[in-house]
C-alpha atoms as a PDB file:
ATOM      1  CA  UNK A   1       4.761  28.221 -38.057  1.00  0.00           C
ATOM      2  CA  UNK A   2       3.008  25.065 -38.182  1.00  0.00           C
ATOM      3  CA  UNK A   3       1.960  24.987 -34.722  1.00  0.00           C
ATOM      4  CA  UNK A   4       0.260  28.445 -35.201  1.00  0.00           C
ATOM      5  CA  UNK A   5      -1.609  27.245 -38.116  1.00  0.00           C
ATOM      6  CA  UNK A   6      -2.748  24.240 -36.188  1.00  0.00           C
ATOM      7  CA  UNK A   7      -4.146  26.433 -33.374  1.00  0.00           C
ATOM      8  CA  UNK A   8      -5.725  28.814 -35.685  1.00  0.00           C
ATOM      9  CA  UNK A   9      -7.631  25.818 -37.440  1.00  0.00           C
ATOM     10  CA  UNK A  10      -8.696  24.638 -33.992  1.00  0.00           C
ATOM     11  CA  UNK A  11      -9.757  28.205 -33.376  1.00  0.00           C
ATOM     12  CA  UNK A  12     -11.965  28.478 -36.376  1.00  0.00           C
ATOM     13  CA  UNK A  13     -13.388  24.818 -36.040  1.00  0.00           C
ATOM     14  CA  UNK A  14     -14.469  26.102 -32.388  1.00  0.00           C
ATOM     15  CA  UNK A  15     -16.037  29.126 -33.683  1.00  0.00           C
ATOM     16  CA  UNK A  16     -17.987  27.244 -36.361  1.00  0.00           C
ATOM     17  CA  UNK A  17     -19.322  24.779 -34.134  1.00  0.00           C
ATOM     18  CA  UNK A  18     -20.508  27.416 -31.880  1.00  0.00           C
ATOM     19  CA  UNK A  19     -22.326  29.209 -34.779  1.00  0.00           C
ATOM     20  CA  UNK A  20     -23.876  26.058 -35.696  1.00  0.00           C
ATOM     21  CA  UNK A  21     -25.139  25.371 -32.378  1.00  0.00           C
ATOM     22  CA  UNK A  22     -26.734  28.881 -32.038  1.00  0.00           C
ATOM     23  CA  UNK A  23     -28.582  28.114 -35.344  1.00  0.00           C
ATOM     24  CA  UNK A  24     -29.983  24.874 -34.059  1.00  0.00           C
ATOM     25  CA  UNK A  25     -33.572  25.201 -32.411  1.00  0.00           C
ATOM     26  CA  UNK A  26     -33.269  24.693 -28.607  1.00  0.00           C
ATOM     27  CA  UNK A  27     -36.234  22.912 -28.689  1.00  0.00           C
ATOM     28  CA  UNK A  28     -36.845  20.434 -31.935  1.00  0.00           C
ATOM     29  CA  UNK A  29     -40.651  19.936 -31.304  1.00  0.00           C
ATOM     30  CA  UNK A  30     -42.648  19.818 -34.590  1.00  0.00           C
ATOM     31  CA  UNK A  31     -46.335  20.326 -34.234  1.00  0.00           C
ATOM     32  CA  UNK A  32     -48.263  17.514 -35.722  1.00  0.00           C
ATOM     33  CA  UNK A  33     -51.859  16.608 -34.895  1.00  0.00           C
ATOM     34  CA  UNK A  34     -53.695  14.818 -37.540  1.00  0.00           C
ATOM     35  CA  UNK A  35     -57.670  15.063 -37.567  1.00  0.00           C
ATOM     36  CA  UNK A  36     -59.507  11.958 -36.746  1.00  0.00           C
ATOM     37  CA  UNK A  37     -61.678  10.163 -39.044  1.00  0.00           C
ATOM     38  CA  UNK A  38     -65.237  10.943 -37.651  1.00  0.00           C
ATOM     39  CA  UNK A  39     -67.718   9.448 -39.982  1.00  0.00           C
ATOM     40  CA  UNK A  40     -71.436   9.663 -39.855  1.00  0.00           C
ATOM     41  CA  UNK A  41     -72.987   6.092 -39.486  1.00  0.00           C
ATOM     42  CA  UNK A  42     -75.488   5.153 -41.929  1.00  0.00           C
ATOM     43  CA  UNK A  43     -79.043   6.828 -41.494  1.00  0.00           C
ATOM     44  CA  UNK A  44     -77.677   9.200 -38.928  1.00  0.00           C
ATOM     45  CA  UNK A  45     -78.163  12.964 -39.151  1.00  0.00           C
ATOM     46  CA  UNK A  46     -75.724  15.262 -40.189  1.00  0.00           C
ATOM     47  CA  UNK A  47     -73.265  16.560 -37.496  1.00  0.00           C
ATOM     48  CA  UNK A  48     -74.056  19.466 -35.166  1.00  0.00           C
ATOM     49  CA  UNK A  49     -72.119  22.491 -36.980  1.00  0.00           C
ATOM     50  CA  UNK A  50     -70.038  23.132 -33.954  1.00  0.00           C
ATOM     51  CA  UNK A  51     -68.158  19.981 -34.720  1.00  0.00           C
ATOM     52  CA  UNK A  52     -66.629  21.441 -38.044  1.00  0.00           C
ATOM     53  CA  UNK A  53     -65.281  24.187 -35.897  1.00  0.00           C
ATOM     54  CA  UNK A  54     -63.693  21.837 -33.577  1.00  0.00           C
ATOM     55  CA  UNK A  55     -62.944  18.682 -35.553  1.00  0.00           C
ATOM     56  CA  UNK A  56     -61.403  15.857 -33.338  1.00  0.00           C
ATOM     57  CA  UNK A  57     -57.870  15.516 -33.346  1.00  0.00           C
ATOM     58  CA  UNK A  58     -55.534  12.740 -32.263  1.00  0.00           C
ATOM     59  CA  UNK A  59     -53.941  14.534 -29.523  1.00  0.00           C
ATOM     60  CA  UNK A  60     -56.961  16.816 -28.580  1.00  0.00           C
ATOM     61  CA  UNK A  61     -59.042  13.516 -28.222  1.00  0.00           C
ATOM     62  CA  UNK A  62     -56.173  12.121 -25.931  1.00  0.00           C
ATOM     63  CA  UNK A  63     -56.141  15.430 -24.022  1.00  0.00           C
ATOM     64  CA  UNK A  64     -59.969  15.522 -23.740  1.00  0.00           C
ATOM     65  CA  UNK A  65     -60.016  11.849 -22.273  1.00  0.00           C
ATOM     66  CA  UNK A  66     -57.852  12.677 -19.824  1.00  0.00           C
ATOM     67  CA  UNK A  67     -59.337  15.622 -18.656  1.00  0.00           C
ATOM     68  CA  UNK A  68     -62.880  13.886 -18.851  1.00  0.00           C
ATOM     69  CA  UNK A  69     -61.484  11.552 -16.021  1.00  0.00           C
ATOM     70  CA  UNK A  70     -59.765  14.491 -14.289  1.00  0.00           C
ATOM     71  CA  UNK A  71     -60.778  14.872 -10.668  1.00  0.00           C
ATOM     72  CA  UNK A  72     -59.002  17.980 -10.326  1.00  0.00           C
ATOM     73  CA  UNK A  73     -61.529  19.758 -12.164  1.00  0.00           C
ATOM     74  CA  UNK A  74     -63.727  19.859  -8.960  1.00  0.00           C
ATOM     75  CA  UNK A  75     -63.124  22.208  -6.056  1.00  0.00           C
ATOM     76  CA  UNK A  76     -62.276  19.356  -3.651  1.00  0.00           C
ATOM     77  CA  UNK A  77     -60.336  17.146  -6.290  1.00  0.00           C
ATOM     78  CA  UNK A  78     -62.720  14.534  -5.737  1.00  0.00           C
ATOM     79  CA  UNK A  79     -65.135  14.644  -8.779  1.00  0.00           C
ATOM     80  CA  UNK A  80     -64.517  14.354 -12.408  1.00  0.00           C
ATOM     81  CA  UNK A  81     -66.833  14.288 -15.686  1.00  0.00           C
ATOM     82  CA  UNK A  82     -66.722  10.421 -15.584  1.00  0.00           C
ATOM     83  CA  UNK A  83     -67.773  10.338 -11.952  1.00  0.00           C
ATOM     84  CA  UNK A  84     -71.391  10.956 -13.081  1.00  0.00           C
ATOM     85  CA  UNK A  85     -70.830   9.773 -16.958  1.00  0.00           C
ATOM     86  CA  UNK A  86     -69.549   5.865 -16.576  1.00  0.00           C
ATOM     87  CA  UNK A  87     -68.890   4.189 -19.563  1.00  0.00           C
ATOM     88  CA  UNK A  88     -70.307   1.000 -18.292  1.00  0.00           C
ATOM     89  CA  UNK A  89     -73.487   2.746 -18.127  1.00  0.00           C
ATOM     90  CA  UNK A  90     -73.456   4.432 -21.584  1.00  0.00           C
ATOM     91  CA  UNK A  91     -71.998   7.206 -19.707  1.00  0.00           C
ATOM     92  CA  UNK A  92     -74.766   7.697 -17.230  1.00  0.00           C
ATOM     93  CA  UNK A  93     -74.442   6.831 -13.660  1.00  0.00           C
ATOM     94  CA  UNK A  94     -77.661   4.697 -12.501  1.00  0.00           C
ATOM     95  CA  UNK A  95     -78.605   7.340  -9.679  1.00  0.00           C
ATOM     96  CA  UNK A  96     -81.856   9.311  -9.690  1.00  0.00           C
ATOM     97  CA  UNK A  97     -80.312  12.472  -9.596  1.00  0.00           C
ATOM     98  CA  UNK A  98     -76.531  13.579 -10.200  1.00  0.00           C
ATOM     99  CA  UNK A  99     -74.070  13.268  -7.051  1.00  0.00           C
ATOM    100  CA  UNK A 100     -71.194  15.880  -7.113  1.00  0.00           C
ATOM    101  CA  UNK A 101     -68.824  17.071  -4.467  1.00  0.00           C
ATOM    102  CA  UNK A 102     -69.454  16.481  -0.897  1.00  0.00           C
ATOM    103  CA  UNK A 103     -72.370  14.054  -1.735  1.00  0.00           C
ATOM    104  CA  UNK A 104     -74.445  17.193  -2.906  1.00  0.00           C
ATOM    105  CA  UNK A 105     -77.550  16.226  -4.744  1.00  0.00           C
ATOM    106  CA  UNK A 106     -78.199  17.817  -8.202  1.00  0.00           C
ATOM    107  CA  UNK A 107     -81.529  19.037  -9.831  1.00  0.00           C
ATOM    108  CA  UNK A 108     -81.745  16.441 -12.256  1.00  0.00           C
ATOM    109  CA  UNK A 109     -80.837  12.841 -13.449  1.00  0.00           C
ATOM    110  CA  UNK A 110     -77.347  12.387 -15.358  1.00  0.00           C
ATOM    111  CA  UNK A 111     -78.218  12.010 -18.841  1.00  0.00           C
ATOM    112  CA  UNK A 112     -75.956   9.485 -21.044  1.00  0.00           C
ATOM    113  CA  UNK A 113     -73.554  10.773 -23.495  1.00  0.00           C
ATOM    114  CA  UNK A 114     -73.648   9.286 -26.665  1.00  0.00           C
ATOM    115  CA  UNK A 115     -73.825  10.617 -30.322  1.00  0.00           C
ATOM    116  CA  UNK A 116     -73.470  14.181 -28.933  1.00  0.00           C
ATOM    117  CA  UNK A 117     -71.856  15.063 -32.335  1.00  0.00           C
ATOM    118  CA  UNK A 118     -75.520  14.786 -33.806  1.00  0.00           C
ATOM    119  CA  UNK A 119     -77.495  16.480 -31.017  1.00  0.00           C
ATOM    120  CA  UNK A 120     -78.978  20.204 -31.628  1.00  0.00           C
ATOM    121  CA  UNK A 121     -79.438  20.858 -27.841  1.00  0.00           C
ATOM    122  CA  UNK A 122     -77.745  19.420 -24.675  1.00  0.00           C
ATOM    123  CA  UNK A 123     -79.137  18.879 -21.231  1.00  0.00           C
ATOM    124  CA  UNK A 124     -82.780  18.242 -20.375  1.00  0.00           C
ATOM    125  CA  UNK A 125     -83.703  21.542 -20.961  1.00  0.00           C
ATOM    126  CA  UNK A 126     -81.742  22.237 -23.925  1.00  0.00           C
ATOM    127  CA  UNK A 127     -80.023  25.428 -22.729  1.00  0.00           C
ATOM    128  CA  UNK A 128     -76.822  24.763 -24.630  1.00  0.00           C
ATOM    129  CA  UNK A 129     -76.347  24.421 -28.169  1.00  0.00           C
ATOM    130  CA  UNK A 130     -72.453  23.614 -28.197  1.00  0.00           C
ATOM    131  CA  UNK A 131     -70.457  20.929 -26.074  1.00  0.00           C
ATOM    132  CA  UNK A 132     -67.894  23.292 -26.064  1.00  0.00           C
ATOM    133  CA  UNK A 133     -69.963  25.939 -23.821  1.00  0.00           C
ATOM    134  CA  UNK A 134     -71.500  22.861 -21.730  1.00  0.00           C
ATOM    135  CA  UNK A 135     -68.159  22.061 -20.411  1.00  0.00           C
ATOM    136  CA  UNK A 136     -67.995  24.752 -17.962  1.00  0.00           C
ATOM    137  CA  UNK A 137     -71.418  24.281 -16.462  1.00  0.00           C
ATOM    138  CA  UNK A 138     -70.668  21.253 -14.328  1.00  0.00           C
ATOM    139  CA  UNK A 139     -67.146  22.792 -13.209  1.00  0.00           C
ATOM    140  CA  UNK A 140     -68.960  25.988 -11.854  1.00  0.00           C
ATOM    141  CA  UNK A 141     -72.150  24.320 -10.474  1.00  0.00           C
ATOM    142  CA  UNK A 142     -72.258  24.339  -6.654  1.00  0.00           C
ATOM    143  CA  UNK A 143     -74.000  20.729  -6.776  1.00  0.00           C
ATOM    144  CA  UNK A 144     -71.614  19.295  -9.306  1.00  0.00           C
ATOM    145  CA  UNK A 145     -68.012  20.329  -9.398  1.00  0.00           C
ATOM    146  CA  UNK A 146     -67.997  23.636  -7.254  1.00  0.00           C
ATOM    147  CA  UNK A 147     -64.781  25.012  -8.721  1.00  0.00           C
ATOM    148  CA  UNK A 148     -63.975  27.594 -11.130  1.00  0.00           C
ATOM    149  CA  UNK A 149     -62.121  27.444 -14.459  1.00  0.00           C
ATOM    150  CA  UNK A 150     -59.260  29.878 -13.170  1.00  0.00           C
ATOM    151  CA  UNK A 151     -58.917  27.490 -10.255  1.00  0.00           C
ATOM    152  CA  UNK A 152     -58.868  24.448 -12.777  1.00  0.00           C
ATOM    153  CA  UNK A 153     -56.126  26.288 -15.044  1.00  0.00           C
ATOM    154  CA  UNK A 154     -53.991  26.709 -12.115  1.00  0.00           C
ATOM    155  CA  UNK A 155     -53.857  23.130 -10.935  1.00  0.00           C
ATOM    156  CA  UNK A 156     -53.521  22.036 -14.616  1.00  0.00           C
ATOM    157  CA  UNK A 157     -50.624  24.382 -15.310  1.00  0.00           C
ATOM    158  CA  UNK A 158     -48.474  23.053 -12.304  1.00  0.00           C
ATOM    159  CA  UNK A 159     -48.523  19.566 -13.745  1.00  0.00           C
ATOM    160  CA  UNK A 160     -45.616  18.986 -16.374  1.00  0.00           C
ATOM    161  CA  UNK A 161     -47.581  16.157 -17.765  1.00  0.00           C
ATOM    162  CA  UNK A 162     -50.407  18.625 -18.710  1.00  0.00           C
ATOM    163  CA  UNK A 163     -48.283  20.970 -20.261  1.00  0.00           C
ATOM    164  CA  UNK A 164     -46.962  18.543 -22.378  1.00  0.00           C
ATOM    165  CA  UNK A 165     -50.495  17.233 -23.446  1.00  0.00           C
ATOM    166  CA  UNK A 166     -51.567  20.550 -24.432  1.00  0.00           C
ATOM    167  CA  UNK A 167     -48.388  21.189 -26.507  1.00  0.00           C
ATOM    168  CA  UNK A 168     -49.085  18.059 -28.294  1.00  0.00           C
ATOM    169  CA  UNK A 169     -52.678  19.189 -28.995  1.00  0.00           C
ATOM    170  CA  UNK A 170     -52.636  23.000 -29.476  1.00  0.00           C
ATOM    171  CA  UNK A 171     -48.683  23.454 -30.389  1.00  0.00           C
ATOM    172  CA  UNK A 172     -47.526  24.883 -27.158  1.00  0.00           C
ATOM    173  CA  UNK A 173     -47.912  24.440 -23.280  1.00  0.00           C
ATOM    174  CA  UNK A 174     -50.402  27.402 -22.701  1.00  0.00           C
ATOM    175  CA  UNK A 175     -53.305  26.264 -20.860  1.00  0.00           C
ATOM    176  CA  UNK A 176     -56.559  28.032 -21.530  1.00  0.00           C
ATOM    177  CA  UNK A 177     -60.342  27.891 -20.968  1.00  0.00           C
ATOM    178  CA  UNK A 178     -60.845  27.566 -24.426  1.00  0.00           C
ATOM    179  CA  UNK A 179     -58.359  24.587 -24.858  1.00  0.00           C
ATOM    180  CA  UNK A 180     -59.837  22.971 -21.773  1.00  0.00           C
ATOM    181  CA  UNK A 181     -63.387  23.077 -23.494  1.00  0.00           C
ATOM    182  CA  UNK A 182     -62.357  22.243 -26.884  1.00  0.00           C
ATOM    183  CA  UNK A 183     -60.460  18.908 -26.136  1.00  0.00           C
ATOM    184  CA  UNK A 184     -63.062  17.650 -23.570  1.00  0.00           C
ATOM    185  CA  UNK A 185     -65.903  18.310 -26.661  1.00  0.00           C
ATOM    186  CA  UNK A 186     -63.456  16.841 -28.788  1.00  0.00           C
ATOM    187  CA  UNK A 187     -63.478  13.573 -26.869  1.00  0.00           C
ATOM    188  CA  UNK A 188     -67.144  13.550 -26.326  1.00  0.00           C
ATOM    189  CA  UNK A 189     -67.797  13.931 -30.285  1.00  0.00           C
ATOM    190  CA  UNK A 190     -65.944  10.710 -30.681  1.00  0.00           C
ATOM    191  CA  UNK A 191     -68.637   8.576 -28.480  1.00  0.00           C
ATOM    192  CA  UNK A 192     -70.539   7.294 -31.170  1.00  0.00           C
ATOM    193  CA  UNK A 193     -72.907   4.387 -30.555  1.00  0.00           C
ATOM    194  CA  UNK A 194     -74.062   2.538 -33.752  1.00  0.00           C
ATOM    195  CA  UNK A 195     -73.179  -0.970 -33.325  1.00  0.00           C
ATOM    196  CA  UNK A 196     -76.355  -2.441 -31.469  1.00  0.00           C
ATOM    197  CA  UNK A 197     -78.158  -5.427 -32.500  1.00  0.00           C
ATOM    198  CA  UNK A 198     -80.908  -3.100 -34.189  1.00  0.00           C
ATOM    199  CA  UNK A 199     -78.311  -1.700 -36.217  1.00  0.00           C
ATOM    200  CA  UNK A 200     -77.144  -4.956 -37.544  1.00  0.00           C
ATOM    201  CA  UNK A 201     -80.570  -5.900 -38.097  1.00  0.00           C
ATOM    202  CA  UNK A 202     -81.180  -2.667 -40.170  1.00  0.00           C
ATOM    203  CA  UNK A 203     -77.790  -3.217 -42.085  1.00  0.00           C
ATOM    204  CA  UNK A 204     -78.733  -6.651 -42.981  1.00  0.00           C
ATOM    205  CA  UNK A 205     -75.397  -8.093 -41.647  1.00  0.00           C
ATOM    206  CA  UNK A 206     -76.832 -11.603 -40.472  1.00  0.00           C
ATOM    207  CA  UNK A 207     -78.565 -10.710 -37.244  1.00  0.00           C
ATOM    208  CA  UNK A 208     -82.320 -11.309 -36.812  1.00  0.00           C
ATOM    209  CA  UNK A 209     -84.844 -10.232 -34.217  1.00  0.00           C
ATOM    210  CA  UNK A 210     -86.480 -12.744 -32.021  1.00  0.00           C
ATOM    211  CA  UNK A 211     -90.271 -13.242 -32.333  1.00  0.00           C
ATOM    212  CA  UNK A 212     -90.678 -11.105 -29.060  1.00  0.00           C
ATOM    213  CA  UNK A 213     -88.112  -8.521 -30.508  1.00  0.00           C
ATOM    214  CA  UNK A 214     -89.999  -8.188 -33.761  1.00  0.00           C
ATOM    215  CA  UNK A 215     -93.459  -7.893 -32.101  1.00  0.00           C
ATOM    216  CA  UNK A 216     -91.820  -5.208 -29.908  1.00  0.00           C
ATOM    217  CA  UNK A 217     -90.529  -3.396 -32.837  1.00  0.00           C
ATOM    218  CA  UNK A 218     -93.946  -3.133 -34.288  1.00  0.00           C
ATOM    219  CA  UNK A 219     -95.643  -1.924 -31.183  1.00  0.00           C
ATOM    220  CA  UNK A 220     -92.778   0.725 -30.971  1.00  0.00           C
ATOM    221  CA  UNK A 221     -93.171   1.758 -34.509  1.00  0.00           C
ATOM    222  CA  UNK A 222     -97.051   2.199 -33.734  1.00  0.00           C
ATOM    223  CA  UNK A 223     -96.711   3.751 -30.248  1.00  0.00           C
ATOM    224  CA  UNK A 224     -93.376   5.435 -29.199  1.00  0.00           C
ATOM    225  CA  UNK A 225     -91.660   6.407 -32.541  1.00  0.00           C
ATOM    226  CA  UNK A 226     -93.497   9.414 -33.271  1.00  0.00           C
ATOM    227  CA  UNK A 227     -91.314  10.792 -30.447  1.00  0.00           C
ATOM    228  CA  UNK A 228     -88.519   8.504 -30.429  1.00  0.00           C
ATOM    229  CA  UNK A 229     -87.558   8.724 -34.015  1.00  0.00           C
ATOM    230  CA  UNK A 230     -84.620   8.769 -36.514  1.00  0.00           C
ATOM    231  CA  UNK A 231     -81.680   6.468 -36.124  1.00  0.00           C
ATOM    232  CA  UNK A 232     -80.967   8.631 -32.884  1.00  0.00           C
ATOM    233  CA  UNK A 233     -84.061   7.366 -31.283  1.00  0.00           C
ATOM    234  CA  UNK A 234     -85.151  10.902 -30.590  1.00  0.00           C
ATOM    235  CA  UNK A 235     -86.717  13.877 -32.653  1.00  0.00           C
ATOM    236  CA  UNK A 236     -84.836  16.321 -30.352  1.00  0.00           C
ATOM    237  CA  UNK A 237     -88.268  18.061 -29.533  1.00  0.00           C
ATOM    238  CA  UNK A 238     -89.318  19.093 -26.090  1.00  0.00           C
ATOM    239  CA  UNK A 239     -92.441  17.632 -24.733  1.00  0.00           C
ATOM    240  CA  UNK A 240     -94.480  17.709 -21.531  1.00  0.00           C
ATOM    241  CA  UNK A 241     -95.476  14.066 -21.308  1.00  0.00           C
ATOM    242  CA  UNK A 242     -97.111  14.291 -17.860  1.00  0.00           C
ATOM    243  CA  UNK A 243     -94.648  12.519 -15.832  1.00  0.00           C
ATOM    244  CA  UNK A 244     -94.378  13.089 -11.924  1.00  0.00           C
ATOM    245  CA  UNK A 245     -93.295  16.638 -11.080  1.00  0.00           C
ATOM    246  CA  UNK A 246     -90.043  17.615  -9.541  1.00  0.00           C
ATOM    247  CA  UNK A 247     -90.690  18.927  -6.233  1.00  0.00           C
ATOM    248  CA  UNK A 248     -87.830  21.338  -6.417  1.00  0.00           C
ATOM    249  CA  UNK A 249     -89.015  24.806  -6.851  1.00  0.00           C
ATOM    250  CA  UNK A 250     -86.106  25.545  -9.023  1.00  0.00           C
ATOM    251  CA  UNK A 251     -87.752  23.122 -11.861  1.00  0.00           C
ATOM    252  CA  UNK A 252     -89.538  24.385 -14.730  1.00  0.00           C
ATOM    253  CA  UNK A 253     -88.046  22.297 -17.547  1.00  0.00           C
ATOM    254  CA  UNK A 254     -87.678  23.994 -20.918  1.00  0.00           C
ATOM    255  CA  UNK A 255     -89.309  27.183 -19.487  1.00  0.00           C
ATOM    256  CA  UNK A 256     -86.183  27.614 -17.291  1.00  0.00           C
ATOM    257  CA  UNK A 257     -84.605  28.579 -20.716  1.00  0.00           C
ATOM    258  CA  UNK A 258     -87.269  30.279 -22.687  1.00  0.00           C
ATOM    259  CA  UNK A 259     -89.492  31.904 -19.677  1.00  0.00           C
ATOM    260  CA  UNK A 260     -92.384  30.947 -21.715  1.00  0.00           C
ATOM    261  CA  UNK A 261     -95.287  29.198 -19.782  1.00  0.00           C
ATOM    262  CA  UNK A 262     -96.026  27.117 -23.022  1.00  0.00           C
ATOM    263  CA  UNK A 263     -92.470  25.497 -22.323  1.00  0.00           C
ATOM    264  CA  UNK A 264     -93.414  24.653 -18.538  1.00  0.00           C
ATOM    265  CA  UNK A 265     -92.073  21.212 -17.781  1.00  0.00           C
ATOM    266  CA  UNK A 266     -91.236  20.141 -21.273  1.00  0.00           C
ATOM    267  CA  UNK A 267     -88.047  18.155 -21.514  1.00  0.00           C
ATOM    268  CA  UNK A 268     -85.903  17.261 -24.610  1.00  0.00           C
ATOM    269  CA  UNK A 269     -87.081  13.792 -25.830  1.00  0.00           C
ATOM    270  CA  UNK A 270     -84.154  11.482 -24.592  1.00  0.00           C
ATOM    271  CA  UNK A 271     -82.342   9.039 -27.021  1.00  0.00           C
ATOM    272  CA  UNK A 272     -83.499   5.495 -26.401  1.00  0.00           C
ATOM    273  CA  UNK A 273     -79.996   3.957 -27.664  1.00  0.00           C
ATOM    274  CA  UNK A 274     -78.389   1.872 -24.853  1.00  0.00           C
ATOM    275  CA  UNK A 275     -81.780   2.544 -22.817  1.00  0.00           C
ATOM    276  CA  UNK A 276     -80.982  -0.531 -21.064  1.00  0.00           C
ATOM    277  CA  UNK A 277     -77.900   0.493 -19.163  1.00  0.00           C
ATOM    278  CA  UNK A 278     -79.183   3.863 -18.316  1.00  0.00           C
ATOM    279  CA  UNK A 279     -81.908   3.337 -15.326  1.00  0.00           C
ATOM    280  CA  UNK A 280     -83.585   4.942 -13.562  1.00  0.00           C
ATOM    281  CA  UNK A 281     -85.727   6.901 -16.136  1.00  0.00           C
ATOM    282  CA  UNK A 282     -87.094  10.528 -16.349  1.00  0.00           C
ATOM    283  CA  UNK A 283     -85.809  13.826 -15.621  1.00  0.00           C
ATOM    284  CA  UNK A 284     -85.031  12.992 -11.972  1.00  0.00           C
ATOM    285  CA  UNK A 285     -85.144   9.658 -12.096  1.00  0.00           C
ATOM    286  CA  UNK A 286     -89.090   9.150 -11.621  1.00  0.00           C
ATOM    287  CA  UNK A 287     -88.979   5.359 -12.827  1.00  0.00           C
ATOM    288  CA  UNK A 288     -86.905   2.576 -11.484  1.00  0.00           C
ATOM    289  CA  UNK A 289     -87.053   0.325 -14.482  1.00  0.00           C
ATOM    290  CA  UNK A 290     -88.714   0.254 -18.169  1.00  0.00           C
ATOM    291  CA  UNK A 291     -91.683  -1.691 -16.640  1.00  0.00           C
ATOM    292  CA  UNK A 292     -92.557   1.021 -14.331  1.00  0.00           C
ATOM    293  CA  UNK A 293     -92.113   3.669 -16.974  1.00  0.00           C
ATOM    294  CA  UNK A 294     -94.422   1.738 -19.124  1.00  0.00           C
ATOM    295  CA  UNK A 295     -97.127   0.865 -16.709  1.00  0.00           C
ATOM    296  CA  UNK A 296     -97.102   4.899 -15.835  1.00  0.00           C
ATOM    297  CA  UNK A 297     -97.976   5.711 -19.543  1.00  0.00           C
ATOM    298  CA  UNK A 298    -100.469   2.928 -19.620  1.00  0.00           C
ATOM    299  CA  UNK A 299    -102.372   3.784 -16.586  1.00  0.00           C
ATOM    300  CA  UNK A 300    -102.396   7.630 -17.357  1.00  0.00           C
ATOM    301  CA  UNK A 301     -99.986  10.508 -17.048  1.00  0.00           C
ATOM    302  CA  UNK A 302    -100.604  13.916 -15.134  1.00  0.00           C
ATOM    303  CA  UNK A 303    -102.798  16.243 -17.058  1.00  0.00           C
ATOM    304  CA  UNK A 304    -101.530  19.553 -18.179  1.00  0.00           C
ATOM    305  CA  UNK A 305    -102.386  22.588 -20.447  1.00  0.00           C
ATOM    306  CA  UNK A 306     -99.311  21.987 -22.600  1.00  0.00           C
ATOM    307  CA  UNK A 307     -99.503  18.099 -22.361  1.00  0.00           C
ATOM    308  CA  UNK A 308     -98.319  16.525 -25.559  1.00  0.00           C
ATOM    309  CA  UNK A 309    -101.119  16.529 -27.917  1.00  0.00           C
ATOM    310  CA  UNK A 310    -100.351  12.764 -28.950  1.00  0.00           C
ATOM    311  CA  UNK A 311    -101.189  11.962 -25.364  1.00  0.00           C
ATOM    312  CA  UNK A 312    -104.207  14.258 -24.897  1.00  0.00           C
ATOM    313  CA  UNK A 313    -105.683  12.652 -28.177  1.00  0.00           C
ATOM    314  CA  UNK A 314    -105.494   9.101 -26.494  1.00  0.00           C
ATOM    315  CA  UNK A 315    -106.946  10.288 -23.132  1.00  0.00           C
ATOM    316  CA  UNK A 316    -103.738  11.080 -21.323  1.00  0.00           C
ATOM    317  CA  UNK A 317    -102.181   7.955 -21.781  1.00  0.00           C
ATOM    318  CA  UNK A 318    -100.716   5.208 -24.111  1.00  0.00           C
ATOM    319  CA  UNK A 319    -102.591   2.231 -23.732  1.00  0.00           C
ATOM    320  CA  UNK A 320    -100.645  -0.965 -23.600  1.00  0.00           C
ATOM    321  CA  UNK A 321    -101.143  -4.570 -22.568  1.00  0.00           C
ATOM    322  CA  UNK A 322     -98.810  -6.619 -20.228  1.00  0.00           C
ATOM    323  CA  UNK A 323     -97.517  -8.574 -23.467  1.00  0.00           C
ATOM    324  CA  UNK A 324     -97.054  -5.343 -25.408  1.00  0.00           C
ATOM    325  CA  UNK A 325     -95.094  -3.875 -22.586  1.00  0.00           C
ATOM    326  CA  UNK A 326     -92.648  -7.143 -22.391  1.00  0.00           C
ATOM    327  CA  UNK A 327     -92.416  -7.194 -26.092  1.00  0.00           C
ATOM    328  CA  UNK A 328     -91.581  -3.471 -26.152  1.00  0.00           C
ATOM    329  CA  UNK A 329     -88.879  -3.940 -23.506  1.00  0.00           C
ATOM    330  CA  UNK A 330     -87.328  -7.001 -25.518  1.00  0.00           C
ATOM    331  CA  UNK A 331     -86.862  -4.504 -28.349  1.00  0.00           C
ATOM    332  CA  UNK A 332     -85.408  -1.783 -26.601  1.00  0.00           C
ATOM    333  CA  UNK A 333     -82.817  -4.284 -25.515  1.00  0.00           C
ATOM    334  CA  UNK A 334     -81.797  -4.540 -29.018  1.00  0.00           C
ATOM    335  CA  UNK A 335     -80.428  -0.911 -28.886  1.00  0.00           C
ATOM    336  CA  UNK A 336     -77.844  -1.867 -26.526  1.00  0.00           C
ATOM    337  CA  UNK A 337     -74.448  -1.424 -27.747  1.00  0.00           C
ATOM    338  CA  UNK A 338     -71.807  -3.488 -25.858  1.00  0.00           C
ATOM    339  CA  UNK A 339     -68.808  -2.483 -27.688  1.00  0.00           C
ATOM    340  CA  UNK A 340     -69.749   1.111 -26.757  1.00  0.00           C
ATOM    341  CA  UNK A 341     -70.199   0.758 -23.069  1.00  0.00           C
ATOM    342  CA  UNK A 342     -66.833  -1.202 -22.950  1.00  0.00           C
ATOM    343  CA  UNK A 343     -64.678   1.154 -24.727  1.00  0.00           C
END
């Protein structure tokens, strides 16, 4: 009898153990992905509304940064976003025109990626209004990555490490186009540059302009700030400033987007932050350095019916003495943010 009771007790215990183990979840994963503190620097404009629909998160940004440096986004696994957007050059590449898979040359100069969270338009012609939609463009463009989003999803889905990263960022291992786009955009939203010498001077943190920089600042406000305004150093408008024309028949500037003759060869005014790191300059790298660009404005730009009114009113030029050019270049150097390019 005693032996039977012991056997019965063992059986009951075993049954209870099995029932408990069935109630235990197979995967104890708990989805936690905190929002990152993305603040607006003093004097900066409001975020692009898209930021509020895709707030950067701890693991979303981690995934986005990994994808940004992932060459498997390209058809032949050789080109990543970072191939053209190098952090050491303020996320530009110091080439006249972008270079993609198999050395293919793109239509335009690679723009730097900084303060994208505050921009209203993306690309030289402003054809994108949200970073999440911009991500697909280089992936499918023949001269850039020459791939497809389905091909990219297939490559990433075969990688256990990526499935784990997507689970941390979105709660499960499913890899979709939307999640790829969102995570890369989240990473790019965090690329905020607001700690240059200029910023320190404006915030009265103890830094001071040299005499040359101070002169350049005054000249800049007089002759450049009408277009390169706000804390972003761009008014985000589209203007034809009479630069040498791209010989490609595919180029029409903003008119490629709007179809309007009035927008022919108008381009988005670029930000001047970190400009010392991003030569050459112009929509297809027309100017090797800042001196060459200022020389061009001084000597006279190409005439056009839709040339910017400010240039027209000054005889199609911005007159500058050699000393003024030197001083402006010195001031533009104060817009460099070493901490930003070394991140």
